[in-house]
Amino acid sequence: MSIDLPIRKIIHVDMDAFYASVEQLDNPELKGKPIAVGGSSKRGVVSAASYEARKFGVRSAMSGTQAKRNCPDLIFVRPRFDRYHEISKKIRRIFHDYTDLVEPLSLDEAYLDVTENKKGNPSATLIAKEIRERIFNELGLTASAGISINKFVAKVASDYNKPNGQKTVNPEDVLDFLEQLDIRKFYGVGKVTAEKMYQLGIFTGKDLKSKSLDYLNDAFGKSGSYYYHVVRGIHNSEVKPNRTRKSLAAERTFNENLSSEIFMLQKLDQIAEEVSKRLKKGKVAGKTVTLKIKYSDFTLQTRSKTMPYFLSDKPLLLEVAKNLLFQEKLNNSVRLLGISLSNLNTESEKVKAKDTKEKSVSVQLKFEF
């Protein structure tokens, strides 16, 4: 079977251990040493880890206590988000020297559509190489890149030769590349989903491809269609320079577990204040309020309520959050609370994506990558 895809030249650039690398750049004494950004307090969580620390199993979102247990020589560094934002802006300026079709995913990664580019260079592979060289020469940091026909394959490929490497998956190689890929490498397949796929005998892209659309929809719900199409190289999402924000949130991890609802309400007041500030700064409002609760045993619970109107003011946010808190009995003492607002008014401005349909594959072999 052949794929008839809109052939684009997409680059996914991903900075290598960005926060940690910035800290090592600014403080040469940290170079070559295992460092973790954040996580130093008793209740702290690692925001980023250097590659030297990753060798010991230190990962982002890991508790500082566990990270130190894994790597006794680990050095904790306080995060400096203003500095990361500053460097991120410089990286994006480099991207825009090549194309205006840049879609940032975070401070340290972005998609670039270079099908038509400002340099008139027909090779996306050479453009990615030049961008990585410029980031290193101008900023002293390394980046990895994936290059292919769509965002999904490019993102998967960017992780292939990390750190400080790149991989191109040419149009004619896409299907073989995806079939041989470990299912854990598929973007959108997390730890829980991977375990479920293992139980169903799905270990590689080839195994996934052998399953019918109905089978995957039954097993994975709405995500089934996504898995069915991406393993066939079908992912028609365009690079969107102005990504529509889908939600806005704030949360707090507490130094001591909270068991008193009075103390929780005080914290919710602060969190609602922060969310409201961010909403007003972004000039957005939303309808769906979600309360996030992480208990002392690290189990996570969310409670949501959708209002019939858009809201952004703190009093309304706080009132809904309070109702959600008292909606049912808490399972344990609480170590984290968060409030998020989704179903934003920005989403009404989105252009509806075209329906994704399976098509036969005819690859343009002369399309230079």
Protein backbone atom coordinates (compact mmCIF):
# COMPACT_ATOMS: atom_id res chain seq x y z
CA MET A 1 0.00 0.00 0.00
CA SER A 2 1.29 3.50 -0.85
CA ILE A 3 0.62 6.86 1.03
CA ASP A 4 -0.61 9.96 -0.77
CA LEU A 5 0.48 12.60 1.71
CA PRO A 6 0.92 16.34 1.55
CA ILE A 7 4.72 16.24 1.39
CA ARG A 8 6.19 18.99 3.53
CA LYS A 9 9.69 19.60 4.82
CA ILE A 10 9.33 19.78 8.58
CA ILE A 11 12.13 20.20 11.12
CA HIS A 12 11.66 19.59 14.83
CA VAL A 13 14.42 21.24 16.86
CA ASP A 14 14.83 20.15 20.47
CA MET A 15 17.44 21.70 22.74
CA ASP A 16 19.56 19.22 24.69
CA ALA A 17 18.81 19.29 28.46
CA PHE A 18 18.03 22.97 28.00
CA TYR A 19 17.72 24.34 31.56
CA ALA A 20 20.65 22.27 32.82
CA SER A 21 22.78 23.15 29.79
CA VAL A 22 22.14 26.87 30.35
CA GLU A 23 23.29 26.52 33.95
CA GLN A 24 26.44 24.70 32.85
CA LEU A 25 27.04 27.37 30.20
CA ASP A 26 26.78 30.23 32.69
CA ASN A 27 28.77 28.45 35.38
CA PRO A 28 31.73 26.55 33.85
CA GLU A 29 32.37 24.86 37.20
CA LEU A 30 29.21 22.81 36.59
CA LYS A 31 30.32 21.46 33.22
CA GLY A 32 30.68 17.73 33.12
CA LYS A 33 28.96 17.33 36.48
CA PRO A 34 25.57 15.81 37.32
CA ILE A 35 23.20 18.69 38.00
CA ALA A 36 19.47 19.04 38.54
CA VAL A 37 17.55 22.27 38.11
CA GLY A 38 15.07 22.60 40.98
CA GLY A 39 14.22 19.85 43.42
CA SER A 40 16.57 20.88 46.20
CA SER A 41 13.99 21.25 48.98
CA LYS A 42 12.44 18.39 50.90
CA ARG A 43 9.33 18.58 48.69
CA GLY A 44 11.08 19.81 45.56
CA VAL A 45 10.71 18.34 42.09
CA VAL A 46 13.40 18.17 39.41
CA SER A 47 12.63 20.49 36.48
CA ALA A 48 15.56 19.32 34.34
CA ALA A 49 18.63 17.13 34.61
CA SER A 50 21.97 17.25 32.83
CA TYR A 51 23.02 14.24 30.76
CA GLU A 52 25.60 13.43 33.42
CA ALA A 53 22.73 13.14 35.94
CA ARG A 54 20.51 11.19 33.55
CA LYS A 55 23.07 8.38 33.51
CA PHE A 56 22.07 7.76 37.13
CA GLY A 57 18.36 7.71 36.31
CA VAL A 58 17.64 11.31 37.33
CA ARG A 59 14.69 12.63 35.31
CA SER A 60 12.44 15.68 35.20
CA ALA A 61 9.34 15.47 37.45
CA MET A 62 11.27 13.22 39.87
CA SER A 63 11.28 14.20 43.51
CA GLY A 64 14.51 15.80 44.70
CA THR A 65 14.80 13.14 47.40
CA GLN A 66 14.66 10.30 44.87
CA ALA A 67 17.07 12.11 42.54
CA LYS A 68 19.62 12.49 45.34
CA ARG A 69 19.15 8.84 46.22
CA ASN A 70 19.89 7.86 42.60
CA CYS A 71 22.88 10.18 42.36
CA PRO A 72 24.51 11.09 45.71
CA ASP A 73 26.84 13.59 44.00
CA LEU A 74 23.96 15.42 42.35
CA ILE A 75 24.24 19.22 42.41
CA PHE A 76 20.94 21.12 42.72
CA VAL A 77 20.63 24.50 40.99
CA ARG A 78 17.81 27.00 41.45
CA PRO A 79 15.88 27.60 38.19
CA ARG A 80 16.27 30.97 36.48
CA PHE A 81 13.32 31.18 34.13
CA ASP A 82 14.06 34.74 33.05
CA ARG A 83 17.41 33.54 31.73
CA TYR A 84 15.81 30.58 29.92
CA HIS A 85 13.27 32.89 28.30
CA GLU A 86 16.06 35.25 27.23
CA ILE A 87 18.00 32.49 25.46
CA SER A 88 14.84 30.96 24.02
CA LYS A 89 14.07 34.26 22.28
CA LYS A 90 17.55 34.26 20.72
CA ILE A 91 17.05 30.70 19.47
CA ARG A 92 13.72 31.65 17.90
CA ARG A 93 15.34 34.60 16.14
CA ILE A 94 17.68 32.11 14.49
CA PHE A 95 14.69 30.01 13.42
CA HIS A 96 13.01 33.05 11.86
CA ASP A 97 16.08 33.68 9.71
CA TYR A 98 14.99 30.59 7.78
CA THR A 99 11.18 30.61 7.92
CA ASP A 100 8.25 32.43 9.49
CA LEU A 101 6.45 29.11 9.91
CA VAL A 102 7.76 28.43 13.42
CA GLU A 103 5.56 26.73 16.01
CA PRO A 104 7.11 26.77 19.50
CA LEU A 105 6.06 23.89 21.76
CA SER A 106 7.94 25.20 24.79
CA LEU A 107 11.04 27.27 25.55
CA ASP A 108 13.30 24.53 24.24
CA GLU A 109 11.60 23.01 21.19
CA ALA A 110 9.77 24.04 18.05
CA TYR A 111 8.56 22.89 14.65
CA LEU A 112 9.75 24.65 11.50
CA ASP A 113 8.18 24.28 8.06
CA VAL A 114 11.01 24.90 5.55
CA THR A 115 9.21 23.57 2.46
CA GLU A 116 9.69 27.11 1.17
CA ASN A 117 12.32 29.01 3.12
CA LYS A 118 14.06 32.36 3.21
CA LYS A 119 17.42 30.87 2.21
CA GLY A 120 16.09 29.19 -0.91
CA ASN A 121 17.78 26.00 0.26
CA PRO A 122 16.01 22.87 -1.08
CA SER A 123 17.58 20.63 1.59
CA ALA A 124 15.80 20.55 4.95
CA THR A 125 18.63 18.35 6.23
CA LEU A 126 21.24 21.03 5.50
CA ILE A 127 19.03 23.75 6.97
CA ALA A 128 18.69 21.78 10.22
CA LYS A 129 22.45 21.26 10.33
CA GLU A 130 23.08 24.98 9.79
CA ILE A 131 20.56 25.97 12.48
CA ARG A 132 22.19 23.63 15.00
CA GLU A 133 25.64 24.99 14.14
CA ARG A 134 24.45 28.56 14.60
CA ILE A 135 22.87 27.77 17.98
CA PHE A 136 26.16 26.27 19.12
CA ASN A 137 28.42 29.00 17.67
CA GLU A 138 26.26 31.94 18.77
CA LEU A 139 24.86 30.67 22.07
CA GLY A 140 27.18 27.86 23.14
CA LEU A 141 24.38 25.28 23.39
CA THR A 142 23.66 22.07 21.53
CA ALA A 143 20.42 21.04 19.88
CA SER A 144 19.08 17.93 18.18
CA ALA A 145 16.78 17.84 15.18
CA GLY A 146 14.44 15.55 13.31
CA ILE A 147 13.57 16.13 9.67
CA SER A 148 10.71 14.53 7.75
CA ILE A 149 7.42 14.92 5.90
CA ASN A 150 5.23 15.84 8.89
CA LYS A 151 5.36 16.99 12.50
CA PHE A 152 4.84 13.55 14.03
CA VAL A 153 7.71 11.82 12.22
CA ALA A 154 10.01 14.85 12.66
CA LYS A 155 9.42 14.89 16.44
CA VAL A 156 10.06 11.16 16.78
CA ALA A 157 13.22 11.51 14.66
CA SER A 158 14.62 14.38 16.76
CA ASP A 159 15.00 12.01 19.70
CA TYR A 160 16.82 9.41 17.61
CA ASN A 161 20.38 10.77 17.74
CA LYS A 162 20.27 12.83 20.94
CA PRO A 163 22.21 14.66 22.20
CA ASN A 164 23.71 16.98 19.58
CA GLY A 165 22.59 15.00 16.55
CA GLN A 166 19.95 14.87 13.88
CA LYS A 167 18.08 12.33 11.79
CA THR A 168 16.32 12.68 8.47
CA VAL A 169 13.51 10.31 7.55
CA ASN A 170 13.05 10.64 3.81
CA PRO A 171 9.57 10.23 2.29
CA GLU A 172 10.32 6.78 0.90
CA ASP A 173 11.64 5.61 4.30
CA VAL A 174 8.77 6.78 6.52
CA LEU A 175 6.77 3.55 6.65
CA ASP A 176 9.78 1.30 7.29
CA PHE A 177 11.03 3.72 9.97
CA LEU A 178 7.69 3.68 11.80
CA GLU A 179 7.22 -0.09 11.50
CA GLN A 180 10.59 -0.81 13.13
CA LEU A 181 10.12 1.76 15.90
CA ASP A 182 9.65 0.66 19.50
CA ILE A 183 6.11 1.63 20.50
CA ARG A 184 7.51 3.60 23.45
CA LYS A 185 9.15 5.97 20.96
CA PHE A 186 5.84 7.00 19.41
CA TYR A 187 4.96 10.57 20.37
CA GLY A 188 1.67 10.40 22.27
CA VAL A 189 2.25 6.94 23.73
CA GLY A 190 2.97 7.41 27.44
CA LYS A 191 4.01 4.88 30.04
CA VAL A 192 0.48 3.74 30.88
CA THR A 193 -0.54 3.40 27.22
CA ALA A 194 2.67 1.55 26.40
CA GLU A 195 1.94 -0.98 29.15
CA LYS A 196 -1.56 -1.50 27.78
CA MET A 197 -0.17 -1.97 24.28
CA TYR A 198 2.30 -4.55 25.57
CA GLN A 199 -0.60 -6.49 27.08
CA LEU A 200 -2.26 -6.46 23.66
CA GLY A 201 0.89 -7.74 21.96
CA ILE A 202 1.82 -4.38 20.46
CA PHE A 203 5.56 -3.80 20.83
CA THR A 204 6.57 -2.10 17.57
CA GLY A 205 5.06 0.09 14.90
CA LYS A 206 4.57 -3.01 12.77
CA ASP A 207 2.49 -4.60 15.52
CA LEU A 208 0.42 -1.42 15.84
CA LYS A 209 -0.10 -1.25 12.09
CA SER A 210 -1.51 -4.78 12.07
CA LYS A 211 -4.50 -3.66 14.18
CA SER A 212 -7.69 -2.41 12.55
CA LEU A 213 -9.18 1.02 13.17
CA ASP A 214 -12.16 -0.53 14.98
CA TYR A 215 -9.85 -2.58 17.21
CA LEU A 216 -7.80 0.48 18.20
CA ASN A 217 -10.89 2.61 18.79
CA ASP A 218 -12.30 -0.08 21.06
CA ALA A 219 -9.01 -0.40 22.95
CA PHE A 220 -7.99 3.26 23.20
CA GLY A 221 -11.09 5.35 22.58
CA LYS A 222 -10.54 8.64 20.77
CA SER A 223 -6.78 8.04 20.63
CA GLY A 224 -7.28 4.89 18.57
CA SER A 225 -7.77 6.83 15.34
CA TYR A 226 -4.63 8.86 16.04
CA TYR A 227 -2.50 5.71 16.51
CA TYR A 228 -4.03 4.11 13.42
CA HIS A 229 -3.11 7.02 11.18
CA VAL A 230 0.31 8.09 12.50
CA VAL A 231 1.76 4.58 12.16
CA ARG A 232 0.84 4.87 8.49
CA GLY A 233 2.68 8.18 8.23
CA ILE A 234 -0.54 10.18 8.13
CA HIS A 235 -0.45 13.34 10.23
CA ASN A 236 -1.74 16.39 8.39
CA SER A 237 -1.40 18.97 11.16
CA GLU A 238 0.28 22.08 9.77
CA VAL A 239 2.99 24.11 11.48
CA LYS A 240 1.04 26.92 13.13
CA PRO A 241 3.08 30.03 14.01
CA ASN A 242 0.36 31.26 16.39
CA ARG A 243 -0.67 28.23 18.38
CA THR A 244 -4.04 28.53 20.07
CA ARG A 245 -3.72 28.24 23.82
CA LYS A 246 -6.01 25.46 25.06
CA SER A 247 -5.72 26.02 28.81
CA LEU A 248 -4.11 28.15 31.47
CA ALA A 249 -3.17 26.93 34.94
CA ALA A 250 -1.27 27.48 38.16
CA GLU A 251 -0.45 25.08 40.97
CA ARG A 252 1.41 24.90 44.27
CA THR A 253 3.34 22.09 45.95
CA PHE A 254 3.34 22.50 49.73
CA ASN A 255 6.27 22.11 52.11
CA GLU A 256 4.01 20.15 54.45
CA ASN A 257 1.00 18.02 53.56
CA LEU A 258 -2.31 19.79 54.15
CA SER A 259 -5.15 18.02 55.93
CA SER A 260 -7.10 21.11 56.98
CA GLU A 261 -9.59 22.44 54.44
CA ILE A 262 -9.15 25.93 55.91
CA PHE A 263 -5.48 25.91 54.89
CA MET A 264 -6.41 24.49 51.49
CA LEU A 265 -8.85 27.35 50.91
CA GLN A 266 -6.08 29.84 51.71
CA LYS A 267 -3.86 28.19 49.10
CA LEU A 268 -6.68 28.09 46.56
CA ASP A 269 -7.16 31.81 47.03
CA GLN A 270 -3.50 32.40 46.08
CA ILE A 271 -3.68 30.03 43.13
CA ALA A 272 -6.88 31.59 41.81
CA GLU A 273 -5.20 35.01 42.06
CA GLU A 274 -2.30 33.76 39.92
CA VAL A 275 -4.57 32.16 37.31
CA SER A 276 -6.66 35.33 37.07
CA LYS A 277 -3.53 37.45 36.54
CA ARG A 278 -2.37 35.17 33.74
CA LEU A 279 -5.79 35.19 32.11
CA LYS A 280 -5.93 38.97 32.11
CA LYS A 281 -2.38 39.24 30.84
CA GLY A 282 -3.28 36.93 27.96
CA LYS A 283 -6.65 38.64 27.48
CA VAL A 284 -8.50 35.31 27.57
CA ALA A 285 -11.32 33.70 29.51
CA GLY A 286 -12.65 30.16 29.77
CA LYS A 287 -15.62 28.03 30.74
CA THR A 288 -14.17 24.84 32.24
CA VAL A 289 -12.53 25.02 35.67
CA THR A 290 -10.47 22.01 36.76
CA LEU A 291 -9.18 21.44 40.27
CA LYS A 292 -6.05 19.30 40.47
CA ILE A 293 -5.33 17.46 43.71
CA LYS A 294 -2.19 15.44 44.38
CA TYR A 295 -2.32 13.48 47.61
CA SER A 296 0.51 12.62 49.99
CA ASP A 297 0.68 9.12 48.46
CA PHE A 298 1.24 10.81 45.05
CA THR A 299 -2.11 9.72 43.62
CA LEU A 300 -3.63 12.38 41.40
CA GLN A 301 -7.26 13.45 41.14
CA THR A 302 -8.96 16.08 38.96
CA ARG A 303 -12.45 17.52 39.33
CA SER A 304 -13.97 19.73 36.63
CA LYS A 305 -17.01 21.92 36.07
CA THR A 306 -18.02 23.67 32.86
CA MET A 307 -19.86 26.94 33.28
CA PRO A 308 -22.46 28.34 30.83
CA TYR A 309 -20.37 31.52 30.44
CA PHE A 310 -16.73 32.59 30.13
CA LEU A 311 -14.97 33.67 33.30
CA SER A 312 -11.58 35.10 34.20
CA ASP A 313 -12.09 37.04 37.45
CA LYS A 314 -10.63 35.64 40.63
CA PRO A 315 -13.86 35.62 42.74
CA LEU A 316 -15.69 33.42 40.23
CA LEU A 317 -12.69 31.15 39.71
CA LEU A 318 -12.25 30.72 43.43
CA GLU A 319 -15.94 30.03 44.02
CA VAL A 320 -15.98 27.23 41.43
CA ALA A 321 -12.70 25.81 42.77
CA LYS A 322 -14.12 25.79 46.32
CA ASN A 323 -17.21 23.92 45.16
CA LEU A 324 -15.01 21.35 43.45
CA LEU A 325 -12.91 20.94 46.60
CA PHE A 326 -16.01 20.21 48.67
CA GLN A 327 -17.61 18.13 45.92
CA GLU A 328 -16.50 14.91 47.59
CA LYS A 329 -14.42 13.79 50.52
CA LEU A 330 -10.64 14.01 50.14
CA ASN A 331 -8.84 10.68 49.97
CA ASN A 332 -5.81 11.70 52.00
CA SER A 333 -3.73 14.68 53.06
CA VAL A 334 -2.80 16.93 50.14
CA ARG A 335 0.68 17.85 48.84
CA LEU A 336 -0.36 19.85 45.74
CA LEU A 337 -3.32 21.90 44.54
CA GLY A 338 -3.82 23.40 41.12
CA ILE A 339 -6.47 25.32 39.19
CA SER A 340 -6.71 25.32 35.40
CA LEU A 341 -9.14 26.98 33.03
CA SER A 342 -9.84 25.44 29.64
CA ASN A 343 -12.46 25.70 26.90
CA LEU A 344 -11.03 29.16 26.30
CA ASN A 345 -12.60 31.83 24.13
CA THR A 346 -9.52 31.65 21.86
CA GLU A 347 -10.66 28.21 20.68
CA SER A 348 -13.71 29.67 18.98
CA GLU A 349 -11.34 31.38 16.57
CA LYS A 350 -9.65 28.18 15.46
CA VAL A 351 -10.07 26.95 11.92
CA LYS A 352 -11.46 23.43 11.99
CA ALA A 353 -8.87 20.89 10.95
CA LYS A 354 -9.61 18.86 7.88
CA ASP A 355 -10.81 15.32 8.53
CA THR A 356 -7.91 12.90 8.44
CA LYS A 357 -8.55 10.07 6.04
CA GLU A 358 -6.47 7.08 5.12
CA LYS A 359 -5.14 7.42 1.61
CA SER A 360 -2.92 5.34 -0.65
CA VAL A 361 0.79 6.21 -0.43
CA SER A 362 2.58 7.51 -3.47
CA VAL A 363 5.97 8.91 -2.44
CA GLN A 364 7.71 11.67 -4.35
CA LEU A 365 11.17 10.17 -4.55
CA LYS A 366 12.67 13.26 -6.18
CA PHE A 367 11.59 15.47 -3.30
CA GLU A 368 14.94 16.52 -1.85
CA PHE A 369 15.39 16.28 1.90
